[in-house]
Amino acid sequence: LFLIGLDTYGRGDWRSISRNMVVTRTPTQVASHAQKFFLRQNSVKDRRRSSIHDITTTADTQPIPPPSNFPTQGGSMGYQNINYPM
């Protein structure tokens, strides 16, 4: 509705857009939305919002060994041997 109102009434006529198109918002709210909208439009077109799912990892060529005091995994079926019968 905002874009239709922007096309119909033009940039800057927030009161008309608010009264006739986006009736659930005040002219001030429509103007604030327009300001954010135009800032996003003027930003780089190819840039997309970052997502945590876009993160890539690189394979280490030299894996880091665990510290010497790191407990080793042992025992049957992955359990540490703490004298429980299996």
PDB file of N, CA and C in Angstrom:
ATOM      1  N   LEU A   1       0.818  -1.191   0.000  1.00  0.00           N
ATOM      2  CA  LEU A   1       0.000   0.000   0.000  1.00  0.00           C
ATOM      3  C   LEU A   1       0.865   1.259   0.000  1.00  0.00           C
ATOM      4  N   PHE A   2       1.967   1.202   0.721  1.00  0.00           N
ATOM      5  CA  PHE A   2       2.847   2.365   0.761  1.00  0.00           C
ATOM      6  C   PHE A   2       3.358   2.695  -0.634  1.00  0.00           C
ATOM      7  N   LEU A   3       3.784   1.685  -1.377  1.00  0.00           N
ATOM      8  CA  LEU A   3       4.328   1.931  -2.712  1.00  0.00           C
ATOM      9  C   LEU A   3       3.260   2.447  -3.673  1.00  0.00           C
ATOM     10  N   ILE A   4       2.043   1.948  -3.539  1.00  0.00           N
ATOM     11  CA  ILE A   4       0.955   2.445  -4.383  1.00  0.00           C
ATOM     12  C   ILE A   4       0.666   3.909  -4.041  1.00  0.00           C
ATOM     13  N   GLY A   5       0.643   4.224  -2.753  1.00  0.00           N
ATOM     14  CA  GLY A   5       0.431   5.606  -2.331  1.00  0.00           C
ATOM     15  C   GLY A   5       1.562   6.516  -2.782  1.00  0.00           C
ATOM     16  N   LEU A   6       2.778   6.010  -2.750  1.00  0.00           N
ATOM     17  CA  LEU A   6       3.923   6.792  -3.202  1.00  0.00           C
ATOM     18  C   LEU A   6       3.809   7.079  -4.693  1.00  0.00           C
ATOM     19  N   ASP A   7       3.361   6.089  -5.446  1.00  0.00           N
ATOM     20  CA  ASP A   7       3.187   6.270  -6.884  1.00  0.00           C
ATOM     21  C   ASP A   7       2.032   7.233  -7.177  1.00  0.00           C
ATOM     22  N   THR A   8       0.958   7.145  -6.394  1.00  0.00           N
ATOM     23  CA  THR A   8      -0.225   7.968  -6.627  1.00  0.00           C
ATOM     24  C   THR A   8      -0.016   9.421  -6.198  1.00  0.00           C
ATOM     25  N   TYR A   9       0.507   9.630  -4.980  1.00  0.00           N
ATOM     26  CA  TYR A   9       0.576  10.974  -4.402  1.00  0.00           C
ATOM     27  C   TYR A   9       1.964  11.599  -4.493  1.00  0.00           C
ATOM     28  N   GLY A  10       2.957  10.790  -4.782  1.00  0.00           N
ATOM     29  CA  GLY A  10       4.303  11.327  -4.926  1.00  0.00           C
ATOM     30  C   GLY A  10       5.051  11.398  -3.608  1.00  0.00           C
ATOM     31  N   ARG A  11       6.328  11.644  -3.748  1.00  0.00           N
ATOM     32  CA  ARG A  11       7.220  11.710  -2.593  1.00  0.00           C
ATOM     33  C   ARG A  11       6.980  13.008  -1.834  1.00  0.00           C
ATOM     34  N   GLY A  12       6.732  12.868  -0.542  1.00  0.00           N
ATOM     35  CA  GLY A  12       6.558  14.043   0.301  1.00  0.00           C
ATOM     36  C   GLY A  12       5.129  14.289   0.742  1.00  0.00           C
ATOM     37  N   ASP A  13       4.150  13.702   0.080  1.00  0.00           N
ATOM     38  CA  ASP A  13       2.758  13.901   0.476  1.00  0.00           C
ATOM     39  C   ASP A  13       2.350  12.796   1.444  1.00  0.00           C
ATOM     40  N   TRP A  14       3.004  12.767   2.593  1.00  0.00           N
ATOM     41  CA  TRP A  14       2.804  11.694   3.567  1.00  0.00           C
ATOM     42  C   TRP A  14       1.407  11.731   4.154  1.00  0.00           C
ATOM     43  N   ARG A  15       0.826  12.939   4.279  1.00  0.00           N
ATOM     44  CA  ARG A  15      -0.520  13.046   4.849  1.00  0.00           C
ATOM     45  C   ARG A  15      -1.542  12.344   3.958  1.00  0.00           C
ATOM     46  N   SER A  16      -1.466  12.545   2.655  1.00  0.00           N
ATOM     47  CA  SER A  16      -2.405  11.897   1.740  1.00  0.00           C
ATOM     48  C   SER A  16      -2.196  10.387   1.708  1.00  0.00           C
ATOM     49  N   ILE A  17      -0.941   9.980   1.729  1.00  0.00           N
ATOM     50  CA  ILE A  17      -0.656   8.534   1.753  1.00  0.00           C
ATOM     51  C   ILE A  17      -1.215   7.923   3.028  1.00  0.00           C
ATOM     52  N   SER A  18      -1.059   8.632   4.137  1.00  0.00           N
ATOM     53  CA  SER A  18      -1.551   8.134   5.418  1.00  0.00           C
ATOM     54  C   SER A  18      -3.077   8.088   5.448  1.00  0.00           C
ATOM     55  N   ARG A  19      -3.735   9.122   4.963  1.00  0.00           N
ATOM     56  CA  ARG A  19      -5.203   9.191   5.023  1.00  0.00           C
ATOM     57  C   ARG A  19      -5.895   8.245   4.049  1.00  0.00           C
ATOM     58  N   ASN A  20      -5.286   8.050   2.874  1.00  0.00           N
ATOM     59  CA  ASN A  20      -5.995   7.329   1.822  1.00  0.00           C
ATOM     60  C   ASN A  20      -5.456   5.935   1.514  1.00  0.00           C
ATOM     61  N   MET A  21      -4.226   5.671   1.849  1.00  0.00           N
ATOM     62  CA  MET A  21      -3.639   4.378   1.478  1.00  0.00           C
ATOM     63  C   MET A  21      -3.289   3.542   2.704  1.00  0.00           C
ATOM     64  N   VAL A  22      -2.427   4.065   3.553  1.00  0.00           N
ATOM     65  CA  VAL A  22      -1.978   3.338   4.734  1.00  0.00           C
ATOM     66  C   VAL A  22      -2.710   3.951   5.930  1.00  0.00           C
ATOM     67  N   VAL A  23      -3.975   3.586   6.071  1.00  0.00           N
ATOM     68  CA  VAL A  23      -4.831   4.249   7.047  1.00  0.00           C
ATOM     69  C   VAL A  23      -4.506   3.868   8.497  1.00  0.00           C
ATOM     70  N   THR A  24      -3.690   2.845   8.671  1.00  0.00           N
ATOM     71  CA  THR A  24      -3.345   2.413  10.033  1.00  0.00           C
ATOM     72  C   THR A  24      -2.129   3.150  10.581  1.00  0.00           C
ATOM     73  N   ARG A  25      -1.550   4.073   9.794  1.00  0.00           N
ATOM     74  CA  ARG A  25      -0.352   4.797  10.220  1.00  0.00           C
ATOM     75  C   ARG A  25      -0.572   6.299  10.125  1.00  0.00           C
ATOM     76  N   THR A  26       0.082   7.017  11.038  1.00  0.00           N
ATOM     77  CA  THR A  26       0.009   8.475  11.015  1.00  0.00           C
ATOM     78  C   THR A  26       0.951   9.011   9.935  1.00  0.00           C
ATOM     79  N   PRO A  27       0.767  10.270   9.525  1.00  0.00           N
ATOM     80  CA  PRO A  27       1.691  10.847   8.544  1.00  0.00           C
ATOM     81  C   PRO A  27       3.153  10.810   8.999  1.00  0.00           C
ATOM     82  N   THR A  28       3.374  10.985  10.281  1.00  0.00           N
ATOM     83  CA  THR A  28       4.748  10.927  10.803  1.00  0.00           C
ATOM     84  C   THR A  28       5.323   9.524  10.649  1.00  0.00           C
ATOM     85  N   GLN A  29       4.514   8.514  10.922  1.00  0.00           N
ATOM     86  CA  GLN A  29       4.982   7.135  10.774  1.00  0.00           C
ATOM     87  C   GLN A  29       5.244   6.796   9.312  1.00  0.00           C
ATOM     88  N   VAL A  30       4.397   7.284   8.412  1.00  0.00           N
ATOM     89  CA  VAL A  30       4.601   7.048   6.986  1.00  0.00           C
ATOM     90  C   VAL A  30       5.884   7.745   6.530  1.00  0.00           C
ATOM     91  N   ALA A  31       6.124   8.956   6.997  1.00  0.00           N
ATOM     92  CA  ALA A  31       7.337   9.688   6.626  1.00  0.00           C
ATOM     93  C   ALA A  31       8.578   8.971   7.143  1.00  0.00           C
ATOM     94  N   SER A  32       8.503   8.432   8.353  1.00  0.00           N
ATOM     95  CA  SER A  32       9.639   7.692   8.910  1.00  0.00           C
ATOM     96  C   SER A  32       9.908   6.432   8.098  1.00  0.00           C
ATOM     97  N   HIS A  33       8.838   5.752   7.715  1.00  0.00           N
ATOM     98  CA  HIS A  33       8.995   4.556   6.893  1.00  0.00           C
ATOM     99  C   HIS A  33       9.606   4.919   5.544  1.00  0.00           C
ATOM    100  N   ALA A  34       9.141   6.028   4.972  1.00  0.00           N
ATOM    101  CA  ALA A  34       9.657   6.463   3.672  1.00  0.00           C
ATOM    102  C   ALA A  34      11.145   6.781   3.761  1.00  0.00           C
ATOM    103  N   GLN A  35      11.547   7.417   4.847  1.00  0.00           N
ATOM    104  CA  GLN A  35      12.963   7.751   5.018  1.00  0.00           C
ATOM    105  C   GLN A  35      13.810   6.480   5.026  1.00  0.00           C
ATOM    106  N   LYS A  36      13.378   5.478   5.764  1.00  0.00           N
ATOM    107  CA  LYS A  36      14.106   4.208   5.805  1.00  0.00           C
ATOM    108  C   LYS A  36      14.058   3.508   4.451  1.00  0.00           C
ATOM    109  N   PHE A  37      12.910   3.572   3.795  1.00  0.00           N
ATOM    110  CA  PHE A  37      12.749   2.940   2.491  1.00  0.00           C
ATOM    111  C   PHE A  37      13.726   3.531   1.478  1.00  0.00           C
ATOM    112  N   PHE A  38      13.816   4.863   1.421  1.00  0.00           N
ATOM    113  CA  PHE A  38      14.689   5.504   0.448  1.00  0.00           C
ATOM    114  C   PHE A  38      16.163   5.302   0.789  1.00  0.00           C
ATOM    115  N   LEU A  39      16.493   5.221   2.070  1.00  0.00           N
ATOM    116  CA  LEU A  39      17.881   4.912   2.440  1.00  0.00           C
ATOM    117  C   LEU A  39      18.270   3.526   1.957  1.00  0.00           C
ATOM    118  N   ARG A  40      17.344   2.566   2.103  1.00  0.00           N
ATOM    119  CA  ARG A  40      17.633   1.213   1.614  1.00  0.00           C
ATOM    120  C   ARG A  40      17.733   1.182   0.096  1.00  0.00           C
ATOM    121  N   GLN A  41      16.886   1.961  -0.586  1.00  0.00           N
ATOM    122  CA  GLN A  41      16.918   1.995  -2.038  1.00  0.00           C
ATOM    123  C   GLN A  41      18.221   2.590  -2.560  1.00  0.00           C
ATOM    124  N   ASN A  42      18.750   3.575  -1.845  1.00  0.00           N
ATOM    125  CA  ASN A  42      19.969   4.253  -2.289  1.00  0.00           C
ATOM    126  C   ASN A  42      21.240   3.501  -1.924  1.00  0.00           C
ATOM    127  N   SER A  43      21.118   2.486  -1.061  1.00  0.00           N
ATOM    128  CA  SER A  43      22.305   1.710  -0.716  1.00  0.00           C
ATOM    129  C   SER A  43      22.689   0.830  -1.903  1.00  0.00           C
ATOM    130  N   VAL A  44      23.777   0.144  -1.777  1.00  0.00           N
ATOM    131  CA  VAL A  44      24.282  -0.684  -2.867  1.00  0.00           C
ATOM    132  C   VAL A  44      23.242  -1.732  -3.242  1.00  0.00           C
ATOM    133  N   LYS A  45      22.945  -1.840  -4.530  1.00  0.00           N
ATOM    134  CA  LYS A  45      21.899  -2.745  -5.002  1.00  0.00           C
ATOM    135  C   LYS A  45      22.290  -4.216  -4.846  1.00  0.00           C
ATOM    136  N   ASP A  46      23.565  -4.529  -5.011  1.00  0.00           N
ATOM    137  CA  ASP A  46      24.000  -5.929  -4.974  1.00  0.00           C
ATOM    138  C   ASP A  46      24.127  -6.462  -3.558  1.00  0.00           C
ATOM    139  N   ARG A  47      24.224  -5.578  -2.582  1.00  0.00           N
ATOM    140  CA  ARG A  47      24.416  -6.026  -1.210  1.00  0.00           C
ATOM    141  C   ARG A  47      23.114  -6.576  -0.652  1.00  0.00           C
ATOM    142  N   ARG A  48      23.200  -7.743  -0.082  1.00  0.00           N
ATOM    143  CA  ARG A  48      22.045  -8.355   0.553  1.00  0.00           C
ATOM    144  C   ARG A  48      22.267  -8.361   2.048  1.00  0.00           C
ATOM    145  N   ARG A  49      21.213  -8.510   2.777  1.00  0.00           N
ATOM    146  CA  ARG A  49      21.347  -8.574   4.232  1.00  0.00           C
ATOM    147  C   ARG A  49      22.134  -9.812   4.615  1.00  0.00           C
ATOM    148  N   SER A  50      22.997  -9.651   5.586  1.00  0.00           N
ATOM    149  CA  SER A  50      23.808 -10.772   6.039  1.00  0.00           C
ATOM    150  C   SER A  50      22.939 -11.761   6.805  1.00  0.00           C
ATOM    151  N   SER A  51      23.288 -12.986   6.681  1.00  0.00           N
ATOM    152  CA  SER A  51      22.586 -14.034   7.406  1.00  0.00           C
ATOM    153  C   SER A  51      23.626 -14.925   8.061  1.00  0.00           C
ATOM    154  N   ILE A  52      23.308 -15.440   9.206  1.00  0.00           N
ATOM    155  CA  ILE A  52      24.230 -16.337   9.886  1.00  0.00           C
ATOM    156  C   ILE A  52      24.443 -17.604   9.062  1.00  0.00           C
ATOM    157  N   HIS A  53      23.490 -17.909   8.186  1.00  0.00           N
ATOM    158  CA  HIS A  53      23.611 -19.106   7.361  1.00  0.00           C
ATOM    159  C   HIS A  53      24.531 -18.900   6.173  1.00  0.00           C
ATOM    160  N   ASP A  54      24.974 -17.660   5.932  1.00  0.00           N
ATOM    161  CA  ASP A  54      25.874 -17.375   4.825  1.00  0.00           C
ATOM    162  C   ASP A  54      27.342 -17.517   5.204  1.00  0.00           C
ATOM    163  N   ILE A  55      27.614 -17.779   6.464  1.00  0.00           N
ATOM    164  CA  ILE A  55      28.986 -17.865   6.937  1.00  0.00           C
ATOM    165  C   ILE A  55      29.636 -19.133   6.395  1.00  0.00           C
ATOM    166  N   THR A  56      30.826 -18.982   5.840  1.00  0.00           N
ATOM    167  CA  THR A  56      31.563 -20.138   5.349  1.00  0.00           C
ATOM    168  C   THR A  56      32.804 -20.331   6.199  1.00  0.00           C
ATOM    169  N   THR A  57      33.278 -21.548   6.232  1.00  0.00           N
ATOM    170  CA  THR A  57      34.485 -21.860   6.989  1.00  0.00           C
ATOM    171  C   THR A  57      35.580 -22.271   6.022  1.00  0.00           C
ATOM    172  N   THR A  58      36.807 -22.133   6.481  1.00  0.00           N
ATOM    173  CA  THR A  58      37.939 -22.574   5.677  1.00  0.00           C
ATOM    174  C   THR A  58      38.567 -23.780   6.348  1.00  0.00           C
ATOM    175  N   ALA A  59      39.067 -24.683   5.561  1.00  0.00           N
ATOM    176  CA  ALA A  59      39.705 -25.879   6.101  1.00  0.00           C
ATOM    177  C   ALA A  59      41.111 -25.508   6.565  1.00  0.00           C
ATOM    178  N   ASP A  60      41.444 -25.911   7.765  1.00  0.00           N
ATOM    179  CA  ASP A  60      42.785 -25.655   8.285  1.00  0.00           C
ATOM    180  C   ASP A  60      43.764 -26.636   7.655  1.00  0.00           C
ATOM    181  N   THR A  61      44.897 -26.123   7.210  1.00  0.00           N
ATOM    182  CA  THR A  61      45.913 -27.007   6.661  1.00  0.00           C
ATOM    183  C   THR A  61      46.743 -27.629   7.769  1.00  0.00           C
ATOM    184  N   GLN A  62      46.843 -26.952   8.887  1.00  0.00           N
ATOM    185  CA  GLN A  62      47.578 -27.465  10.041  1.00  0.00           C
ATOM    186  C   GLN A  62      46.598 -27.568  11.211  1.00  0.00           C
ATOM    187  N   PRO A  63      45.993 -28.736  11.447  1.00  0.00           N
ATOM    188  CA  PRO A  63      45.052 -28.841  12.565  1.00  0.00           C
ATOM    189  C   PRO A  63      45.762 -28.625  13.893  1.00  0.00           C
ATOM    190  N   ILE A  64      45.071 -27.995  14.811  1.00  0.00           N
ATOM    191  CA  ILE A  64      45.628 -27.712  16.131  1.00  0.00           C
ATOM    192  C   ILE A  64      45.405 -28.933  17.013  1.00  0.00           C
ATOM    193  N   PRO A  65      46.473 -29.491  17.580  1.00  0.00           N
ATOM    194  CA  PRO A  65      46.298 -30.662  18.446  1.00  0.00           C
ATOM    195  C   PRO A  65      45.675 -30.251  19.773  1.00  0.00           C
ATOM    196  N   PRO A  66      44.971 -31.175  20.435  1.00  0.00           N
ATOM    197  CA  PRO A  66      44.383 -30.837  21.739  1.00  0.00           C
ATOM    198  C   PRO A  66      45.489 -30.641  22.771  1.00  0.00           C
ATOM    199  N   PRO A  67      45.212 -29.899  23.839  1.00  0.00           N
ATOM    200  CA  PRO A  67      46.224 -29.698  24.881  1.00  0.00           C
ATOM    201  C   PRO A  67      46.635 -31.029  25.500  1.00  0.00           C
ATOM    202  N   SER A  68      47.838 -31.050  26.058  1.00  0.00           N
ATOM    203  CA  SER A  68      48.362 -32.302  26.612  1.00  0.00           C
ATOM    204  C   SER A  68      47.570 -32.766  27.829  1.00  0.00           C
ATOM    205  N   ASN A  69      46.911 -31.862  28.543  1.00  0.00           N
ATOM    206  CA  ASN A  69      46.135 -32.266  29.713  1.00  0.00           C
ATOM    207  C   ASN A  69      44.688 -32.594  29.352  1.00  0.00           C
ATOM    208  N   PHE A  70      44.358 -32.629  28.056  1.00  0.00           N
ATOM    209  CA  PHE A  70      43.017 -32.961  27.595  1.00  0.00           C
ATOM    210  C   PHE A  70      42.790 -34.452  27.791  1.00  0.00           C
ATOM    211  N   PRO A  71      41.698 -34.855  28.448  1.00  0.00           N
ATOM    212  CA  PRO A  71      41.492 -36.292  28.688  1.00  0.00           C
ATOM    213  C   PRO A  71      41.270 -37.034  27.373  1.00  0.00           C
ATOM    214  N   THR A  72      41.876 -38.185  27.289  1.00  0.00           N
ATOM    215  CA  THR A  72      41.715 -38.996  26.079  1.00  0.00           C
ATOM    216  C   THR A  72      40.425 -39.781  26.171  1.00  0.00           C
ATOM    217  N   GLN A  73      39.848 -40.066  25.028  1.00  0.00           N
ATOM    218  CA  GLN A  73      38.650 -40.877  25.013  1.00  0.00           C
ATOM    219  C   GLN A  73      39.074 -42.337  24.946  1.00  0.00           C
ATOM    220  N   GLY A  74      38.531 -43.119  25.799  1.00  0.00           N
ATOM    221  CA  GLY A  74      38.900 -44.526  25.821  1.00  0.00           C
ATOM    222  C   GLY A  74      37.770 -45.353  26.381  1.00  0.00           C
ATOM    223  N   GLY A  75      38.011 -46.612  26.608  1.00  0.00           N
ATOM    224  CA  GLY A  75      36.985 -47.495  27.123  1.00  0.00           C
ATOM    225  C   GLY A  75      36.094 -47.985  26.012  1.00  0.00           C
ATOM    226  N   SER A  76      35.185 -48.838  26.371  1.00  0.00           N
ATOM    227  CA  SER A  76      34.308 -49.417  25.358  1.00  0.00           C
ATOM    228  C   SER A  76      33.164 -48.453  25.055  1.00  0.00           C
ATOM    229  N   MET A  77      32.748 -48.425  23.832  1.00  0.00           N
ATOM    230  CA  MET A  77      31.623 -47.647  23.341  1.00  0.00           C
ATOM    231  C   MET A  77      31.742 -46.154  23.666  1.00  0.00           C
ATOM    232  N   GLY A  78      32.957 -45.636  23.765  1.00  0.00           N
ATOM    233  CA  GLY A  78      33.135 -44.215  23.962  1.00  0.00           C
ATOM    234  C   GLY A  78      33.027 -43.748  25.400  1.00  0.00           C
ATOM    235  N   TYR A  79      32.775 -44.633  26.329  1.00  0.00           N
ATOM    236  CA  TYR A  79      32.674 -44.232  27.738  1.00  0.00           C
ATOM    237  C   TYR A  79      34.073 -44.260  28.351  1.00  0.00           C
ATOM    238  N   GLN A  80      34.316 -43.316  29.252  1.00  0.00           N
ATOM    239  CA  GLN A  80      35.581 -43.346  29.958  1.00  0.00           C
ATOM    240  C   GLN A  80      35.533 -44.467  30.989  1.00  0.00           C
ATOM    241  N   ASN A  81      36.669 -45.094  31.204  1.00  0.00           N
ATOM    242  CA  ASN A  81      36.738 -46.202  32.131  1.00  0.00           C
ATOM    243  C   ASN A  81      36.749 -45.667  33.570  1.00  0.00           C
ATOM    244  N   ILE A  82      35.616 -45.716  34.241  1.00  0.00           N
ATOM    245  CA  ILE A  82      35.548 -45.266  35.642  1.00  0.00           C
ATOM    246  C   ILE A  82      35.074 -46.409  36.516  1.00  0.00           C
ATOM    247  N   ASN A  83      35.493 -47.626  36.168  1.00  0.00           N
ATOM    248  CA  ASN A  83      35.254 -48.839  36.946  1.00  0.00           C
ATOM    249  C   ASN A  83      33.775 -49.180  37.108  1.00  0.00           C
ATOM    250  N   TYR A  84      32.970 -48.864  36.115  1.00  0.00           N
ATOM    251  CA  TYR A  84      31.593 -49.330  36.100  1.00  0.00           C
ATOM    252  C   TYR A  84      31.532 -50.564  35.222  1.00  0.00           C
ATOM    253  N   PRO A  85      30.821 -51.589  35.660  1.00  0.00           N
ATOM    254  CA  PRO A  85      30.719 -52.783  34.812  1.00  0.00           C
ATOM    255  C   PRO A  85      29.877 -52.468  33.553  1.00  0.00           C
ATOM    256  N   MET A  86      30.283 -53.016  32.474  1.00  0.00           N
ATOM    257  CA  MET A  86      29.587 -52.796  31.218  1.00  0.00           C
ATOM    258  C   MET A  86      28.878 -54.052  30.806  1.00  0.00           C
TER     259      MET A  86
END
